[in-house]
Each structure stands twice: as C-alpha cells, then as structure tokens.
C-alpha cells in the first residue's frame, strides 16, 4: 500500500482565528476569510498593454481585493519575468494566452501568465508591462469583500508580498 509522503500544509498562518490581522509573532496575517463580491468582465482590445490595462480596471472599479477568475486572448508581444530574473524577457510573435491568474488589490497586482506559441511551445512567467494584446483579451475578475490586499516589503524575501487586512466598517 502506498503512503502519502507529502508534508502537511504550513500551519503558521492558522495559529490565530481566521481573519486576525496579526499572528503570534506580531507579523501581518497571511490568511483571511472573506466573501465573494461582484464579477467584473472586461475585454481589452488590440494594442492595449495587458498589465497597465488591468491596473486601470483595478483603479476604476476601486478593487481592494480580487482574483482573476478566467482569461482568454492573445498577445503580439510578450513580456515575462522568469523566476529570479531582474528584468523581463521580451518575446515577439503571436501567442495564445493559455492562463492568466493572480491577485489584484489596492497595493497593486501580482499575476502570472502562460502562453502558447504557433508551434505548440509553452512558456510562462510573471506578468510585466509590455504585453501587447493581439486580437483580444477577455478577463473576468472576482472582487473579494471583507478584506483588502496590500503589498509590502517582506524582509525575508526582499520583495513586495501580499498582506491581507480586514476591511474596517
């Protein structure tokens, strides 16, 4: 009989009640229980910069916390930052968007995108500015009520990481 050798999920974020703002170490909490809000459907058009357009939608609709539910479309120029790279790689050519997911909040967006080439190759990375829509990009965003996402420097990683806070009142 095979035994599951996976390690259990980290419990550090679960040490206090759900949606508390600080864990026992005084650090910002990494877990929030919230309710689904509204769904915002948007279509970006040829020539739009995908990342910049997502930021504009977040600002226009005052999204404090949200996730990308679905996406479909294509880009004619791809700009992806790979793991541990300082700068994005620029890829020219027409690519299908196979997936685009991530978080959207008052403190910014954090998205990853996977692309398919005309030969069936697949590549993905961190969504950077400079991804230019080719024919269309259709995205549905779910807003999350009861929390807001900020991005603050995490001293352990050196990067701006998501901090979840309860929405007041």
C-alpha atoms as a PDB file:
ATOM      1  CA  UNK A   1       0.000   0.000   0.000  1.00  0.00           C
ATOM      2  CA  UNK A   2       1.363   3.412  -0.984  1.00  0.00           C
ATOM      3  CA  UNK A   3       1.502   6.018   1.711  1.00  0.00           C
ATOM      4  CA  UNK A   4       1.131   9.726   1.117  1.00  0.00           C
ATOM      5  CA  UNK A   5       4.568  11.215   1.759  1.00  0.00           C
ATOM      6  CA  UNK A   6       3.534  14.828   1.193  1.00  0.00           C
ATOM      7  CA  UNK A   7       4.269  17.169   4.015  1.00  0.00           C
ATOM      8  CA  UNK A   8       1.300  18.783   5.687  1.00  0.00           C
ATOM      9  CA  UNK A   9       0.437  22.376   4.891  1.00  0.00           C
ATOM     10  CA  UNK A  10       2.214  25.039   6.938  1.00  0.00           C
ATOM     11  CA  UNK A  11       0.153  25.966   9.977  1.00  0.00           C
ATOM     12  CA  UNK A  12       1.918  29.179  10.933  1.00  0.00           C
ATOM     13  CA  UNK A  13      -0.765  31.271   9.209  1.00  0.00           C
ATOM     14  CA  UNK A  14      -3.502  29.348  11.025  1.00  0.00           C
ATOM     15  CA  UNK A  15      -2.329  29.868  14.609  1.00  0.00           C
ATOM     16  CA  UNK A  16      -4.896  32.572  15.416  1.00  0.00           C
ATOM     17  CA  UNK A  17      -8.524  32.926  14.492  1.00  0.00           C
ATOM     18  CA  UNK A  18      -9.284  33.362  10.810  1.00  0.00           C
ATOM     19  CA  UNK A  19      -9.024  36.948   9.595  1.00  0.00           C
ATOM     20  CA  UNK A  20      -6.994  38.198  12.577  1.00  0.00           C
ATOM     21  CA  UNK A  21      -4.613  40.892  11.452  1.00  0.00           C
ATOM     22  CA  UNK A  22      -1.520  39.714  13.328  1.00  0.00           C
ATOM     23  CA  UNK A  23      -0.102  36.303  14.054  1.00  0.00           C
ATOM     24  CA  UNK A  24       1.577  35.385  17.327  1.00  0.00           C
ATOM     25  CA  UNK A  25       4.881  36.892  16.170  1.00  0.00           C
ATOM     26  CA  UNK A  26       3.219  40.262  15.520  1.00  0.00           C
ATOM     27  CA  UNK A  27       3.632  39.897  11.760  1.00  0.00           C
ATOM     28  CA  UNK A  28       0.812  40.696   9.364  1.00  0.00           C
ATOM     29  CA  UNK A  29      -1.557  37.796   8.959  1.00  0.00           C
ATOM     30  CA  UNK A  30      -1.304  35.700   5.801  1.00  0.00           C
ATOM     31  CA  UNK A  31      -4.833  34.277   5.840  1.00  0.00           C
ATOM     32  CA  UNK A  32      -8.192  35.977   5.509  1.00  0.00           C
ATOM     33  CA  UNK A  33     -11.722  34.645   5.362  1.00  0.00           C
ATOM     34  CA  UNK A  34     -13.915  36.820   3.187  1.00  0.00           C
ATOM     35  CA  UNK A  35     -16.966  36.739   0.960  1.00  0.00           C
ATOM     36  CA  UNK A  36     -17.183  36.838  -2.823  1.00  0.00           C
ATOM     37  CA  UNK A  37     -18.187  40.202  -4.208  1.00  0.00           C
ATOM     38  CA  UNK A  38     -19.026  41.172  -7.753  1.00  0.00           C
ATOM     39  CA  UNK A  39     -17.673  39.871 -11.022  1.00  0.00           C
ATOM     40  CA  UNK A  40     -16.165  42.413 -13.397  1.00  0.00           C
ATOM     41  CA  UNK A  41     -15.940  41.303 -17.023  1.00  0.00           C
ATOM     42  CA  UNK A  42     -13.671  43.270 -19.326  1.00  0.00           C
ATOM     43  CA  UNK A  43     -12.330  42.975 -22.853  1.00  0.00           C
ATOM     44  CA  UNK A  44      -9.023  44.532 -23.768  1.00  0.00           C
ATOM     45  CA  UNK A  45      -8.514  45.438 -27.413  1.00  0.00           C
ATOM     46  CA  UNK A  46      -5.645  45.167 -29.898  1.00  0.00           C
ATOM     47  CA  UNK A  47      -2.700  47.341 -28.886  1.00  0.00           C
ATOM     48  CA  UNK A  48      -3.611  47.533 -25.173  1.00  0.00           C
ATOM     49  CA  UNK A  49      -0.864  46.844 -22.642  1.00  0.00           C
ATOM     50  CA  UNK A  50      -2.303  43.972 -20.604  1.00  0.00           C
ATOM     51  CA  UNK A  51      -0.704  44.762 -17.236  1.00  0.00           C
ATOM     52  CA  UNK A  52      -1.330  48.501 -17.440  1.00  0.00           C
ATOM     53  CA  UNK A  53      -4.948  47.869 -18.510  1.00  0.00           C
ATOM     54  CA  UNK A  54      -5.504  45.576 -15.515  1.00  0.00           C
ATOM     55  CA  UNK A  55      -4.164  48.299 -13.216  1.00  0.00           C
ATOM     56  CA  UNK A  56      -6.559  50.812 -14.807  1.00  0.00           C
ATOM     57  CA  UNK A  57      -9.522  48.462 -14.246  1.00  0.00           C
ATOM     58  CA  UNK A  58      -8.480  47.964 -10.611  1.00  0.00           C
ATOM     59  CA  UNK A  59      -8.348  51.731 -10.089  1.00  0.00           C
ATOM     60  CA  UNK A  60     -11.563  52.484 -11.989  1.00  0.00           C
ATOM     61  CA  UNK A  61     -13.585  49.907 -10.041  1.00  0.00           C
ATOM     62  CA  UNK A  62     -11.733  50.579  -6.778  1.00  0.00           C
ATOM     63  CA  UNK A  63     -10.832  46.903  -6.348  1.00  0.00           C
ATOM     64  CA  UNK A  64      -9.375  46.484  -2.857  1.00  0.00           C
ATOM     65  CA  UNK A  65      -9.064  42.703  -3.189  1.00  0.00           C
ATOM     66  CA  UNK A  66      -9.740  40.496  -6.183  1.00  0.00           C
ATOM     67  CA  UNK A  67      -8.674  37.482  -8.186  1.00  0.00           C
ATOM     68  CA  UNK A  68      -8.669  36.726 -11.884  1.00  0.00           C
ATOM     69  CA  UNK A  69     -11.287  34.013 -12.458  1.00  0.00           C
ATOM     70  CA  UNK A  70     -10.748  33.420 -16.157  1.00  0.00           C
ATOM     71  CA  UNK A  71      -8.965  34.796 -19.164  1.00  0.00           C
ATOM     72  CA  UNK A  72      -8.714  34.137 -22.878  1.00  0.00           C
ATOM     73  CA  UNK A  73      -6.963  36.020 -25.615  1.00  0.00           C
ATOM     74  CA  UNK A  74      -3.691  36.623 -27.371  1.00  0.00           C
ATOM     75  CA  UNK A  75      -0.656  38.901 -27.364  1.00  0.00           C
ATOM     76  CA  UNK A  76       1.615  40.036 -30.182  1.00  0.00           C
ATOM     77  CA  UNK A  77       4.450  40.947 -27.814  1.00  0.00           C
ATOM     78  CA  UNK A  78       5.047  39.093 -24.564  1.00  0.00           C
ATOM     79  CA  UNK A  79       6.927  40.496 -21.605  1.00  0.00           C
ATOM     80  CA  UNK A  80       7.507  37.889 -18.898  1.00  0.00           C
ATOM     81  CA  UNK A  81       9.854  37.948 -15.942  1.00  0.00           C
ATOM     82  CA  UNK A  82      11.137  34.484 -15.110  1.00  0.00           C
ATOM     83  CA  UNK A  83      11.975  33.233 -11.604  1.00  0.00           C
ATOM     84  CA  UNK A  84      14.953  35.039 -10.034  1.00  0.00           C
ATOM     85  CA  UNK A  85      15.386  37.316 -13.058  1.00  0.00           C
ATOM     86  CA  UNK A  86      15.715  41.060 -12.567  1.00  0.00           C
ATOM     87  CA  UNK A  87      14.275  42.074 -15.927  1.00  0.00           C
ATOM     88  CA  UNK A  88      11.571  40.634 -18.161  1.00  0.00           C
ATOM     89  CA  UNK A  89      12.244  38.754 -21.386  1.00  0.00           C
ATOM     90  CA  UNK A  90      10.602  40.289 -24.454  1.00  0.00           C
ATOM     91  CA  UNK A  91       9.204  37.784 -26.957  1.00  0.00           C
ATOM     92  CA  UNK A  92       7.841  38.920 -30.301  1.00  0.00           C
ATOM     93  CA  UNK A  93       5.259  36.944 -32.224  1.00  0.00           C
ATOM     94  CA  UNK A  94       1.641  35.946 -31.749  1.00  0.00           C
ATOM     95  CA  UNK A  95       0.929  33.932 -28.612  1.00  0.00           C
ATOM     96  CA  UNK A  96      -2.303  32.499 -27.215  1.00  0.00           C
ATOM     97  CA  UNK A  97      -2.974  33.247 -23.558  1.00  0.00           C
ATOM     98  CA  UNK A  98      -3.384  29.790 -22.023  1.00  0.00           C
ATOM     99  CA  UNK A  99      -3.755  31.082 -18.495  1.00  0.00           C
ATOM    100  CA  UNK A 100      -3.573  34.359 -16.627  1.00  0.00           C
ATOM    101  CA  UNK A 101      -4.064  34.275 -12.894  1.00  0.00           C
ATOM    102  CA  UNK A 102      -3.242  36.336  -9.893  1.00  0.00           C
ATOM    103  CA  UNK A 103      -4.354  38.807  -7.275  1.00  0.00           C
ATOM    104  CA  UNK A 104      -5.470  42.398  -7.643  1.00  0.00           C
ATOM    105  CA  UNK A 105      -5.564  44.856  -4.779  1.00  0.00           C
ATOM    106  CA  UNK A 106      -5.154  48.396  -3.610  1.00  0.00           C
ATOM    107  CA  UNK A 107      -1.406  47.784  -3.336  1.00  0.00           C
ATOM    108  CA  UNK A 108      -1.027  46.555  -6.908  1.00  0.00           C
ATOM    109  CA  UNK A 109      -1.350  43.384  -8.921  1.00  0.00           C
ATOM    110  CA  UNK A 110       0.584  40.131  -8.903  1.00  0.00           C
ATOM    111  CA  UNK A 111      -0.134  37.978 -11.940  1.00  0.00           C
ATOM    112  CA  UNK A 112       1.454  35.097 -13.794  1.00  0.00           C
ATOM    113  CA  UNK A 113       0.715  34.217 -17.404  1.00  0.00           C
ATOM    114  CA  UNK A 114       1.235  31.106 -19.515  1.00  0.00           C
ATOM    115  CA  UNK A 115       1.447  31.472 -23.299  1.00  0.00           C
ATOM    116  CA  UNK A 116       1.291  29.047 -26.206  1.00  0.00           C
ATOM    117  CA  UNK A 117       3.244  29.622 -29.434  1.00  0.00           C
ATOM    118  CA  UNK A 118       2.239  28.842 -33.003  1.00  0.00           C
ATOM    119  CA  UNK A 119       4.340  25.664 -32.788  1.00  0.00           C
ATOM    120  CA  UNK A 120       2.733  24.425 -29.576  1.00  0.00           C
ATOM    121  CA  UNK A 121       5.511  25.533 -27.268  1.00  0.00           C
ATOM    122  CA  UNK A 122       4.526  26.815 -23.834  1.00  0.00           C
ATOM    123  CA  UNK A 123       6.205  29.491 -21.720  1.00  0.00           C
ATOM    124  CA  UNK A 124       5.154  31.390 -18.635  1.00  0.00           C
ATOM    125  CA  UNK A 125       6.258  33.841 -16.025  1.00  0.00           C
ATOM    126  CA  UNK A 126       5.459  36.962 -14.069  1.00  0.00           C
ATOM    127  CA  UNK A 127       3.230  39.407 -15.983  1.00  0.00           C
ATOM    128  CA  UNK A 128       5.260  42.541 -16.719  1.00  0.00           C
ATOM    129  CA  UNK A 129       4.372  45.734 -18.542  1.00  0.00           C
ATOM    130  CA  UNK A 130       4.727  45.413 -22.311  1.00  0.00           C
ATOM    131  CA  UNK A 131       2.366  42.503 -23.050  1.00  0.00           C
ATOM    132  CA  UNK A 132       0.524  43.877 -26.074  1.00  0.00           C
ATOM    133  CA  UNK A 133      -2.925  42.477 -26.890  1.00  0.00           C
ATOM    134  CA  UNK A 134      -3.053  40.966 -30.389  1.00  0.00           C
ATOM    135  CA  UNK A 135      -6.738  40.258 -31.125  1.00  0.00           C
ATOM    136  CA  UNK A 136      -8.499  40.347 -27.767  1.00  0.00           C
ATOM    137  CA  UNK A 137      -8.080  39.614 -24.089  1.00  0.00           C
ATOM    138  CA  UNK A 138     -11.230  38.746 -22.163  1.00  0.00           C
ATOM    139  CA  UNK A 139     -10.922  38.667 -18.388  1.00  0.00           C
ATOM    140  CA  UNK A 140     -13.345  38.067 -15.516  1.00  0.00           C
ATOM    141  CA  UNK A 141     -12.298  39.398 -12.104  1.00  0.00           C
ATOM    142  CA  UNK A 142     -13.965  38.394  -8.826  1.00  0.00           C
ATOM    143  CA  UNK A 143     -13.803  41.045  -6.121  1.00  0.00           C
ATOM    144  CA  UNK A 144     -13.495  39.884  -2.522  1.00  0.00           C
ATOM    145  CA  UNK A 145     -15.461  41.606   0.243  1.00  0.00           C
ATOM    146  CA  UNK A 146     -14.250  41.980   3.828  1.00  0.00           C
ATOM    147  CA  UNK A 147     -10.516  42.220   3.152  1.00  0.00           C
ATOM    148  CA  UNK A 148      -8.103  44.308   1.173  1.00  0.00           C
ATOM    149  CA  UNK A 149      -4.757  43.331  -0.294  1.00  0.00           C
ATOM    150  CA  UNK A 150      -1.692  45.488   0.131  1.00  0.00           C
ATOM    151  CA  UNK A 151       1.872  44.834  -0.982  1.00  0.00           C
ATOM    152  CA  UNK A 152       4.690  45.459   1.445  1.00  0.00           C
ATOM    153  CA  UNK A 153       8.356  44.514   1.522  1.00  0.00           C
ATOM    154  CA  UNK A 154       8.851  41.172   3.238  1.00  0.00           C
ATOM    155  CA  UNK A 155      12.237  41.267   4.935  1.00  0.00           C
ATOM    156  CA  UNK A 156      12.653  37.513   4.380  1.00  0.00           C
ATOM    157  CA  UNK A 157      12.227  37.654   0.585  1.00  0.00           C
ATOM    158  CA  UNK A 158      13.186  41.231  -0.242  1.00  0.00           C
ATOM    159  CA  UNK A 159      10.071  41.513  -2.432  1.00  0.00           C
ATOM    160  CA  UNK A 160       6.758  43.258  -2.022  1.00  0.00           C
ATOM    161  CA  UNK A 161       4.458  40.470  -0.861  1.00  0.00           C
ATOM    162  CA  UNK A 162       0.715  40.420  -0.250  1.00  0.00           C
ATOM    163  CA  UNK A 163      -0.559  41.488   3.155  1.00  0.00           C
ATOM    164  CA  UNK A 164      -4.216  40.719   3.875  1.00  0.00           C
ATOM    165  CA  UNK A 165      -6.117  43.100   6.135  1.00  0.00           C
ATOM    166  CA  UNK A 166      -9.701  43.184   7.273  1.00  0.00           C
ATOM    167  CA  UNK A 167     -11.771  45.998   5.817  1.00  0.00           C
ATOM    168  CA  UNK A 168     -12.906  48.359   8.542  1.00  0.00           C
ATOM    169  CA  UNK A 169     -16.601  49.163   8.956  1.00  0.00           C
END
